[in-house]
Full PDB file with SEQRES, HELIX, SHEET, SSBOND, CRYST1, ORIGX, SCALE, CONECT and MASTER records, all heavy atoms in Angstrom:
SEQRES   1 A   31  ALA ASN ALA ASP SER LYS PRO GLU ASN LEU ASN GLN PHE          
SEQRES   2 A   31  ALA THR LEU GLY SER TYR TYR ALA GLN PHE VAL ARG GLY          
SEQRES   3 A   31  ILE GLN LYS PRO ARG                                          
HELIX    1 AA1 PRO A    7  PHE A   23  1                                  17    
CRYST1    1.000    1.000    1.000  90.00  90.00  90.00 P 1           1          
ORIGX1      1.000000  0.000000  0.000000        0.00000                         
ORIGX2      0.000000  1.000000  0.000000        0.00000                         
ORIGX3      0.000000  0.000000  1.000000        0.00000                         
SCALE1      1.000000  0.000000  0.000000        0.00000                         
SCALE2      0.000000  1.000000  0.000000        0.00000                         
SCALE3      0.000000  0.000000  1.000000        0.00000                         
ATOM      1  N   ALA A   1     -82.912 112.806-180.855  1.00  0.00           N  
ATOM      2  CA  ALA A   1     -83.693 111.612-180.507  1.00  0.00           C  
ATOM      3  C   ALA A   1     -82.963 110.746-179.486  1.00  0.00           C  
ATOM      4  O   ALA A   1     -83.592 110.083-178.657  1.00  0.00           O  
ATOM      5  CB  ALA A   1     -84.001 110.793-181.764  1.00  0.00           C  
ATOM      6  N   ASN A   2     -81.626 110.749-179.534  1.00  0.00           N  
ATOM      7  CA  ASN A   2     -80.827 109.917-178.630  1.00  0.00           C  
ATOM      8  C   ASN A   2     -79.707 110.749-178.017  1.00  0.00           C  
ATOM      9  O   ASN A   2     -78.797 111.166-178.731  1.00  0.00           O  
ATOM     10  CB  ASN A   2     -80.192 108.750-179.399  1.00  0.00           C  
ATOM     11  CG  ASN A   2     -81.203 107.971-180.232  1.00  0.00           C  
ATOM     12  OD1 ASN A   2     -81.916 107.127-179.720  1.00  0.00           O  
ATOM     13  ND2 ASN A   2     -81.272 108.275-181.526  1.00  0.00           N  
ATOM     14  N   ALA A   3     -79.774 110.963-176.719  1.00  0.00           N  
ATOM     15  CA  ALA A   3     -78.711 111.732-176.068  1.00  0.00           C  
ATOM     16  C   ALA A   3     -77.396 110.962-176.094  1.00  0.00           C  
ATOM     17  O   ALA A   3     -76.319 111.546-176.226  1.00  0.00           O  
ATOM     18  CB  ALA A   3     -79.104 112.048-174.629  1.00  0.00           C  
ATOM     19  N   ASP A   4     -77.480 109.647-175.978  1.00  0.00           N  
ATOM     20  CA  ASP A   4     -76.296 108.788-176.041  1.00  0.00           C  
ATOM     21  C   ASP A   4     -76.424 107.868-177.245  1.00  0.00           C  
ATOM     22  O   ASP A   4     -77.490 107.321-177.507  1.00  0.00           O  
ATOM     23  CB  ASP A   4     -76.168 107.946-174.766  1.00  0.00           C  
ATOM     24  CG  ASP A   4     -75.954 108.811-173.535  1.00  0.00           C  
ATOM     25  OD1 ASP A   4     -74.983 109.577-173.517  1.00  0.00           O  
ATOM     26  OD2 ASP A   4     -76.767 108.706-172.601  1.00  0.00           O  
ATOM     27  N   SER A   5     -75.329 107.700-177.965  1.00  0.00           N  
ATOM     28  CA  SER A   5     -75.341 106.839-179.149  1.00  0.00           C  
ATOM     29  C   SER A   5     -74.130 105.930-179.146  1.00  0.00           C  
ATOM     30  O   SER A   5     -73.111 106.207-178.510  1.00  0.00           O  
ATOM     31  CB  SER A   5     -75.329 107.686-180.429  1.00  0.00           C  
ATOM     32  OG  SER A   5     -76.488 108.475-180.529  1.00  0.00           O  
ATOM     33  N   LYS A   6     -74.252 104.821-179.888  1.00  0.00           N  
ATOM     34  CA  LYS A   6     -73.151 103.892-180.084  1.00  0.00           C  
ATOM     35  C   LYS A   6     -72.594 104.085-181.501  1.00  0.00           C  
ATOM     36  O   LYS A   6     -73.278 104.632-182.364  1.00  0.00           O  
ATOM     37  CB  LYS A   6     -73.636 102.458-179.901  1.00  0.00           C  
ATOM     38  CG  LYS A   6     -74.158 102.160-178.494  1.00  0.00           C  
ATOM     39  CD  LYS A   6     -74.686 100.734-178.398  1.00  0.00           C  
ATOM     40  CE  LYS A   6     -75.214 100.457-176.998  1.00  0.00           C  
ATOM     41  NZ  LYS A   6     -75.769  99.072-176.877  1.00  0.00           N  
ATOM     42  N   PRO A   7     -71.384 103.625-181.743  1.00  0.00           N  
ATOM     43  CA  PRO A   7     -70.806 103.779-183.083  1.00  0.00           C  
ATOM     44  C   PRO A   7     -71.702 103.218-184.189  1.00  0.00           C  
ATOM     45  O   PRO A   7     -71.833 103.831-185.255  1.00  0.00           O  
ATOM     46  CB  PRO A   7     -69.493 102.998-182.986  1.00  0.00           C  
ATOM     47  CG  PRO A   7     -69.126 103.082-181.544  1.00  0.00           C  
ATOM     48  CD  PRO A   7     -70.420 103.041-180.786  1.00  0.00           C  
ATOM     49  N   GLU A   8     -72.332 102.065-183.952  1.00  0.00           N  
ATOM     50  CA  GLU A   8     -73.195 101.467-184.959  1.00  0.00           C  
ATOM     51  C   GLU A   8     -74.404 102.353-185.258  1.00  0.00           C  
ATOM     52  O   GLU A   8     -74.887 102.392-186.393  1.00  0.00           O  
ATOM     53  CB  GLU A   8     -73.670 100.087-184.495  1.00  0.00           C  
ATOM     54  CG  GLU A   8     -74.564  99.364-185.493  1.00  0.00           C  
ATOM     55  CD  GLU A   8     -73.923  99.172-186.868  1.00  0.00           C  
ATOM     56  OE1 GLU A   8     -72.683  98.980-186.944  1.00  0.00           O  
ATOM     57  OE2 GLU A   8     -74.654  99.241-187.866  1.00  0.00           O  
ATOM     58  N   ASN A   9     -74.892 103.082-184.237  1.00  0.00           N  
ATOM     59  CA  ASN A   9     -76.003 104.010-184.457  1.00  0.00           C  
ATOM     60  C   ASN A   9     -75.597 105.089-185.448  1.00  0.00           C  
ATOM     61  O   ASN A   9     -76.337 105.407-186.388  1.00  0.00           O  
ATOM     62  CB  ASN A   9     -76.441 104.676-183.146  1.00  0.00           C  
ATOM     63  CG  ASN A   9     -76.896 103.698-182.085  1.00  0.00           C  
ATOM     64  OD1 ASN A   9     -76.628 103.878-180.913  1.00  0.00           O  
ATOM     65  ND2 ASN A   9     -77.587 102.644-182.505  1.00  0.00           N  
ATOM     66  N   LEU A  10     -74.411 105.662-185.262  1.00  0.00           N  
ATOM     67  CA  LEU A  10     -73.939 106.715-186.167  1.00  0.00           C  
ATOM     68  C   LEU A  10     -73.739 106.175-187.576  1.00  0.00           C  
ATOM     69  O   LEU A  10     -74.004 106.872-188.566  1.00  0.00           O  
ATOM     70  CB  LEU A  10     -72.640 107.326-185.640  1.00  0.00           C  
ATOM     71  CG  LEU A  10     -72.789 108.544-184.716  1.00  0.00           C  
ATOM     72  CD1 LEU A  10     -73.588 108.213-183.474  1.00  0.00           C  
ATOM     73  CD2 LEU A  10     -71.423 109.113-184.326  1.00  0.00           C  
ATOM     74  N   ASN A  11     -73.302 104.933-187.683  1.00  0.00           N  
ATOM     75  CA  ASN A  11     -73.136 104.310-188.991  1.00  0.00           C  
ATOM     76  C   ASN A  11     -74.487 104.152-189.685  1.00  0.00           C  
ATOM     77  O   ASN A  11     -74.616 104.400-190.889  1.00  0.00           O  
ATOM     78  CB  ASN A  11     -72.456 102.946-188.827  1.00  0.00           C  
ATOM     79  CG  ASN A  11     -71.999 102.366-190.144  1.00  0.00           C  
ATOM     80  OD1 ASN A  11     -71.595 103.083-191.059  1.00  0.00           O  
ATOM     81  ND2 ASN A  11     -72.063 101.043-190.264  1.00  0.00           N  
ATOM     82  N   GLN A  12     -75.511 103.751-188.927  1.00  0.00           N  
ATOM     83  CA  GLN A  12     -76.857 103.640-189.487  1.00  0.00           C  
ATOM     84  C   GLN A  12     -77.409 105.016-189.857  1.00  0.00           C  
ATOM     85  O   GLN A  12     -78.066 105.169-190.901  1.00  0.00           O  
ATOM     86  CB  GLN A  12     -77.779 102.930-188.498  1.00  0.00           C  
ATOM     87  CG  GLN A  12     -77.457 101.465-188.313  1.00  0.00           C  
ATOM     88  CD  GLN A  12     -78.332 100.791-187.272  1.00  0.00           C  
ATOM     89  OE1 GLN A  12     -79.121 101.441-186.572  1.00  0.00           O  
ATOM     90  NE2 GLN A  12     -78.196  99.480-187.150  1.00  0.00           N  
ATOM     91  N   PHE A  13     -77.146 106.030-189.027  1.00  0.00           N  
ATOM     92  CA  PHE A  13     -77.587 107.392-189.340  1.00  0.00           C  
ATOM     93  C   PHE A  13     -76.998 107.849-190.678  1.00  0.00           C  
ATOM     94  O   PHE A  13     -77.660 108.531-191.462  1.00  0.00           O  
ATOM     95  CB  PHE A  13     -77.148 108.375-188.250  1.00  0.00           C  
ATOM     96  CG  PHE A  13     -77.767 108.152-186.905  1.00  0.00           C  
ATOM     97  CD1 PHE A  13     -77.198 108.703-185.761  1.00  0.00           C  
ATOM     98  CD2 PHE A  13     -78.924 107.399-186.749  1.00  0.00           C  
ATOM     99  CE1 PHE A  13     -77.758 108.513-184.517  1.00  0.00           C  
ATOM    100  CE2 PHE A  13     -79.494 107.198-185.497  1.00  0.00           C  
ATOM    101  CZ  PHE A  13     -78.904 107.752-184.376  1.00  0.00           C  
ATOM    102  N   ALA A  14     -75.745 107.468-190.922  1.00  0.00           N  
ATOM    103  CA  ALA A  14     -75.081 107.870-192.160  1.00  0.00           C  
ATOM    104  C   ALA A  14     -75.783 107.274-193.379  1.00  0.00           C  
ATOM    105  O   ALA A  14     -75.992 107.963-194.387  1.00  0.00           O  
ATOM    106  CB  ALA A  14     -73.615 107.431-192.128  1.00  0.00           C  
ATOM    107  N   THR A  15     -76.165 106.006-193.280  1.00  0.00           N  
ATOM    108  CA  THR A  15     -76.864 105.368-194.397  1.00  0.00           C  
ATOM    109  C   THR A  15     -78.240 105.981-194.592  1.00  0.00           C  
ATOM    110  O   THR A  15     -78.646 106.287-195.722  1.00  0.00           O  
ATOM    111  CB  THR A  15     -77.006 103.851-194.150  1.00  0.00           C  
ATOM    112  OG1 THR A  15     -75.696 103.277-193.982  1.00  0.00           O  
ATOM    113  CG2 THR A  15     -77.704 103.173-195.317  1.00  0.00           C  
ATOM    114  N   LEU A  16     -78.957 106.189-193.499  1.00  0.00           N  
ATOM    115  CA  LEU A  16     -80.290 106.802-193.575  1.00  0.00           C  
ATOM    116  C   LEU A  16     -80.202 108.206-194.173  1.00  0.00           C  
ATOM    117  O   LEU A  16     -80.959 108.559-195.082  1.00  0.00           O  
ATOM    118  CB  LEU A  16     -80.916 106.862-192.182  1.00  0.00           C  
ATOM    119  CG  LEU A  16     -81.321 105.531-191.546  1.00  0.00           C  
ATOM    120  CD1 LEU A  16     -81.619 105.723-190.056  1.00  0.00           C  
ATOM    121  CD2 LEU A  16     -82.539 104.939-192.239  1.00  0.00           C  
ATOM    122  N   GLY A  17     -79.297 109.013-193.648  1.00  0.00           N  
ATOM    123  CA  GLY A  17     -79.147 110.383-194.130  1.00  0.00           C  
ATOM    124  C   GLY A  17     -78.727 110.454-195.581  1.00  0.00           C  
ATOM    125  O   GLY A  17     -79.173 111.322-196.338  1.00  0.00           O  
ATOM    126  N   SER A  18     -77.860 109.519-195.997  1.00  0.00           N  
ATOM    127  CA  SER A  18     -77.401 109.488-197.380  1.00  0.00           C  
ATOM    128  C   SER A  18     -78.552 109.152-198.330  1.00  0.00           C  
ATOM    129  O   SER A  18     -78.690 109.760-199.396  1.00  0.00           O  
ATOM    130  CB  SER A  18     -76.277 108.460-197.532  1.00  0.00           C  
ATOM    131  OG  SER A  18     -75.707 108.527-198.816  1.00  0.00           O  
ATOM    132  N   TYR A  19     -79.385 108.191-197.934  1.00  0.00           N  
ATOM    133  CA  TYR A  19     -80.561 107.856-198.737  1.00  0.00           C  
ATOM    134  C   TYR A  19     -81.487 109.060-198.863  1.00  0.00           C  
ATOM    135  O   TYR A  19     -82.016 109.342-199.939  1.00  0.00           O  
ATOM    136  CB  TYR A  19     -81.320 106.682-198.103  1.00  0.00           C  
ATOM    137  CG  TYR A  19     -80.966 105.331-198.664  1.00  0.00           C  
ATOM    138  CD1 TYR A  19     -79.744 104.731-198.354  1.00  0.00           C  
ATOM    139  CD2 TYR A  19     -81.831 104.644-199.500  1.00  0.00           C  
ATOM    140  CE1 TYR A  19     -79.402 103.483-198.856  1.00  0.00           C  
ATOM    141  CE2 TYR A  19     -81.504 103.395-200.009  1.00  0.00           C  
ATOM    142  CZ  TYR A  19     -80.289 102.818-199.688  1.00  0.00           C  
ATOM    143  OH  TYR A  19     -79.962 101.594-200.203  1.00  0.00           O  
ATOM    144  N   TYR A  20     -81.698 109.775-197.763  1.00  0.00           N  
ATOM    145  CA  TYR A  20     -82.577 110.947-197.779  1.00  0.00           C  
ATOM    146  C   TYR A  20     -82.027 112.014-198.723  1.00  0.00           C  
ATOM    147  O   TYR A  20     -82.753 112.560-199.558  1.00  0.00           O  
ATOM    148  CB  TYR A  20     -82.723 111.523-196.369  1.00  0.00           C  
ATOM    149  CG  TYR A  20     -83.695 112.675-196.287  1.00  0.00           C  
ATOM    150  CD1 TYR A  20     -85.027 112.457-195.960  1.00  0.00           C  
ATOM    151  CD2 TYR A  20     -83.288 113.987-196.537  1.00  0.00           C  
ATOM    152  CE1 TYR A  20     -85.933 113.512-195.895  1.00  0.00           C  
ATOM    153  CE2 TYR A  20     -84.180 115.035-196.483  1.00  0.00           C  
ATOM    154  CZ  TYR A  20     -85.499 114.788-196.153  1.00  0.00           C  
ATOM    155  OH  TYR A  20     -86.386 115.840-196.101  1.00  0.00           O  
ATOM    156  N   ALA A  21     -80.739 112.311-198.591  1.00  0.00           N  
ATOM    157  CA  ALA A  21     -80.136 113.343-199.435  1.00  0.00           C  
ATOM    158  C   ALA A  21     -80.198 112.961-200.912  1.00  0.00           C  
ATOM    159  O   ALA A  21     -80.420 113.820-201.775  1.00  0.00           O  
ATOM    160  CB  ALA A  21     -78.683 113.578-199.012  1.00  0.00           C  
ATOM    161  N   GLN A  22     -80.041 111.691-201.199  1.00  0.00           N  
ATOM    162  CA  GLN A  22     -80.027 111.248-202.593  1.00  0.00           C  
ATOM    163  C   GLN A  22     -81.420 111.214-203.201  1.00  0.00           C  
ATOM    164  O   GLN A  22     -81.655 111.755-204.285  1.00  0.00           O  
ATOM    165  CB  GLN A  22     -79.380 109.866-202.697  1.00  0.00           C  
ATOM    166  CG  GLN A  22     -79.258 109.372-204.133  1.00  0.00           C  
ATOM    167  CD  GLN A  22     -78.510 108.053-204.242  1.00  0.00           C  
ATOM    168  OE1 GLN A  22     -77.963 107.556-203.258  1.00  0.00           O  
ATOM    169  NE2 GLN A  22     -78.484 107.487-205.428  1.00  0.00           N  
ATOM    170  N   PHE A  23     -82.366 110.596-202.493  1.00  0.00           N  
ATOM    171  CA  PHE A  23     -83.661 110.341-203.107  1.00  0.00           C  
ATOM    172  C   PHE A  23     -84.724 111.406-202.822  1.00  0.00           C  
ATOM    173  O   PHE A  23     -85.692 111.528-203.566  1.00  0.00           O  
ATOM    174  CB  PHE A  23     -84.176 108.963-202.679  1.00  0.00           C  
ATOM    175  CG  PHE A  23     -83.320 107.837-203.186  1.00  0.00           C  
ATOM    176  CD1 PHE A  23     -82.490 107.141-202.320  1.00  0.00           C  
ATOM    177  CD2 PHE A  23     -83.306 107.510-204.528  1.00  0.00           C  
ATOM    178  CE1 PHE A  23     -81.681 106.115-202.784  1.00  0.00           C  
ATOM    179  CE2 PHE A  23     -82.495 106.492-205.012  1.00  0.00           C  
ATOM    180  CZ  PHE A  23     -81.682 105.787-204.134  1.00  0.00           C  
ATOM    181  N   VAL A  24     -84.572 112.166-201.765  1.00  0.00           N  
ATOM    182  CA  VAL A  24     -85.526 113.241-201.473  1.00  0.00           C  
ATOM    183  C   VAL A  24     -84.998 114.577-201.975  1.00  0.00           C  
ATOM    184  O   VAL A  24     -85.736 115.346-202.602  1.00  0.00           O  
ATOM    185  CB  VAL A  24     -85.839 113.320-199.960  1.00  0.00           C  
ATOM    186  CG1 VAL A  24     -86.812 114.469-199.675  1.00  0.00           C  
ATOM    187  CG2 VAL A  24     -86.434 112.006-199.468  1.00  0.00           C  
ATOM    188  N   ARG A  25     -83.707 114.845-201.754  1.00  0.00           N  
ATOM    189  CA  ARG A  25     -83.133 116.123-202.175  1.00  0.00           C  
ATOM    190  C   ARG A  25     -82.459 116.055-203.537  1.00  0.00           C  
ATOM    191  O   ARG A  25     -82.066 117.082-204.086  1.00  0.00           O  
ATOM    192  CB  ARG A  25     -82.137 116.612-201.114  1.00  0.00           C  
ATOM    193  CG  ARG A  25     -82.806 116.941-199.766  1.00  0.00           C  
ATOM    194  CD  ARG A  25     -81.814 117.405-198.725  1.00  0.00           C  
ATOM    195  NE  ARG A  25     -80.992 118.484-199.228  1.00  0.00           N  
ATOM    196  CZ  ARG A  25     -79.679 118.592-198.997  1.00  0.00           C  
ATOM    197  NH1 ARG A  25     -79.049 117.673-198.280  1.00  0.00           N  
ATOM    198  NH2 ARG A  25     -78.999 119.597-199.481  1.00  0.00           N  
ATOM    199  N   GLY A  26     -82.317 114.860-204.082  1.00  0.00           N  
ATOM    200  CA  GLY A  26     -81.802 114.719-205.439  1.00  0.00           C  
ATOM    201  C   GLY A  26     -80.308 114.923-205.599  1.00  0.00           C  
ATOM    202  O   GLY A  26     -79.839 115.343-206.655  1.00  0.00           O  
ATOM    203  N   ILE A  27     -79.522 114.620-204.565  1.00  0.00           N  
ATOM    204  CA  ILE A  27     -78.065 114.777-204.617  1.00  0.00           C  
ATOM    205  C   ILE A  27     -77.417 113.435-204.961  1.00  0.00           C  
ATOM    206  O   ILE A  27     -77.573 112.459-204.229  1.00  0.00           O  
ATOM    207  CB  ILE A  27     -77.509 115.292-203.271  1.00  0.00           C  
ATOM    208  CG1 ILE A  27     -78.147 116.637-202.915  1.00  0.00           C  
ATOM    209  CG2 ILE A  27     -75.991 115.410-203.327  1.00  0.00           C  
ATOM    210  CD1 ILE A  27     -77.780 117.125-201.538  1.00  0.00           C  
ATOM    211  N   GLN A  28     -76.695 113.394-206.059  1.00  0.00           N  
ATOM    212  CA  GLN A  28     -75.986 112.176-206.432  1.00  0.00           C  
ATOM    213  C   GLN A  28     -74.711 112.031-205.594  1.00  0.00           C  
ATOM    214  O   GLN A  28     -73.953 112.972-205.447  1.00  0.00           O  
ATOM    215  CB  GLN A  28     -75.630 112.213-207.927  1.00  0.00           C  
ATOM    216  CG  GLN A  28     -76.835 112.220-208.842  1.00  0.00           C  
ATOM    217  CD  GLN A  28     -77.720 111.000-208.644  1.00  0.00           C  
ATOM    218  OE1 GLN A  28     -77.229 109.873-208.546  1.00  0.00           O  
ATOM    219  NE2 GLN A  28     -79.025 111.218-208.585  1.00  0.00           N  
ATOM    220  N   LYS A  29     -74.506 110.867-205.032  1.00  0.00           N  
ATOM    221  CA  LYS A  29     -73.342 110.578-204.187  1.00  0.00           C  
ATOM    222  C   LYS A  29     -73.148 111.653-203.109  1.00  0.00           C  
ATOM    223  O   LYS A  29     -72.114 112.355-203.079  1.00  0.00           O  
ATOM    224  CB  LYS A  29     -72.075 110.457-205.034  1.00  0.00           C  
ATOM    225  CG  LYS A  29     -72.020 109.209-205.898  1.00  0.00           C  
ATOM    226  CD  LYS A  29     -70.626 108.981-206.450  1.00  0.00           C  
ATOM    227  CE  LYS A  29     -69.655 108.594-205.371  1.00  0.00           C  
ATOM    228  NZ  LYS A  29     -68.292 108.268-205.895  1.00  0.00           N  
ATOM    229  N   PRO A  30     -74.125 111.846-202.238  1.00  0.00           N  
ATOM    230  CA  PRO A  30     -73.987 112.861-201.186  1.00  0.00           C  
ATOM    231  C   PRO A  30     -72.765 112.614-200.311  1.00  0.00           C  
ATOM    232  O   PRO A  30     -72.462 111.472-199.953  1.00  0.00           O  
ATOM    233  CB  PRO A  30     -75.293 112.718-200.388  1.00  0.00           C  
ATOM    234  CG  PRO A  30     -75.837 111.372-200.740  1.00  0.00           C  
ATOM    235  CD  PRO A  30     -75.390 111.100-202.122  1.00  0.00           C  
ATOM    236  N   ARG A  31     -72.073 113.692-199.997  1.00  0.00           N  
ATOM    237  CA  ARG A  31     -70.874 113.606-199.152  1.00  0.00           C  
ATOM    238  C   ARG A  31     -71.293 113.477-197.691  1.00  0.00           C  
ATOM    239  O   ARG A  31     -72.026 114.327-197.173  1.00  0.00           O  
ATOM    240  CB  ARG A  31     -70.024 114.865-199.333  1.00  0.00           C  
ATOM    241  CG  ARG A  31     -69.535 115.100-200.765  1.00  0.00           C  
ATOM    242  CD  ARG A  31     -69.108 116.549-200.944  1.00  0.00           C  
ATOM    243  NE  ARG A  31     -70.223 117.451-200.707  1.00  0.00           N  
ATOM    244  CZ  ARG A  31     -70.100 118.724-200.321  1.00  0.00           C  
ATOM    245  NH1 ARG A  31     -68.900 119.235-200.105  1.00  0.00           N  
ATOM    246  NH2 ARG A  31     -71.156 119.474-200.146  1.00  0.00           N  
TER     247      ARG A  31                                                      
MASTER        0    0    0    1    0    0    0    6  246    1    0    3          
END                                                                             
């Protein structure tokens, strides 16, 4: 979606991805 990213973008991606892994895929404390 973004060819160029800033550090804060990657930090937000981490939170978004962690929520997805936990609540959609059912992984507790995703790494």
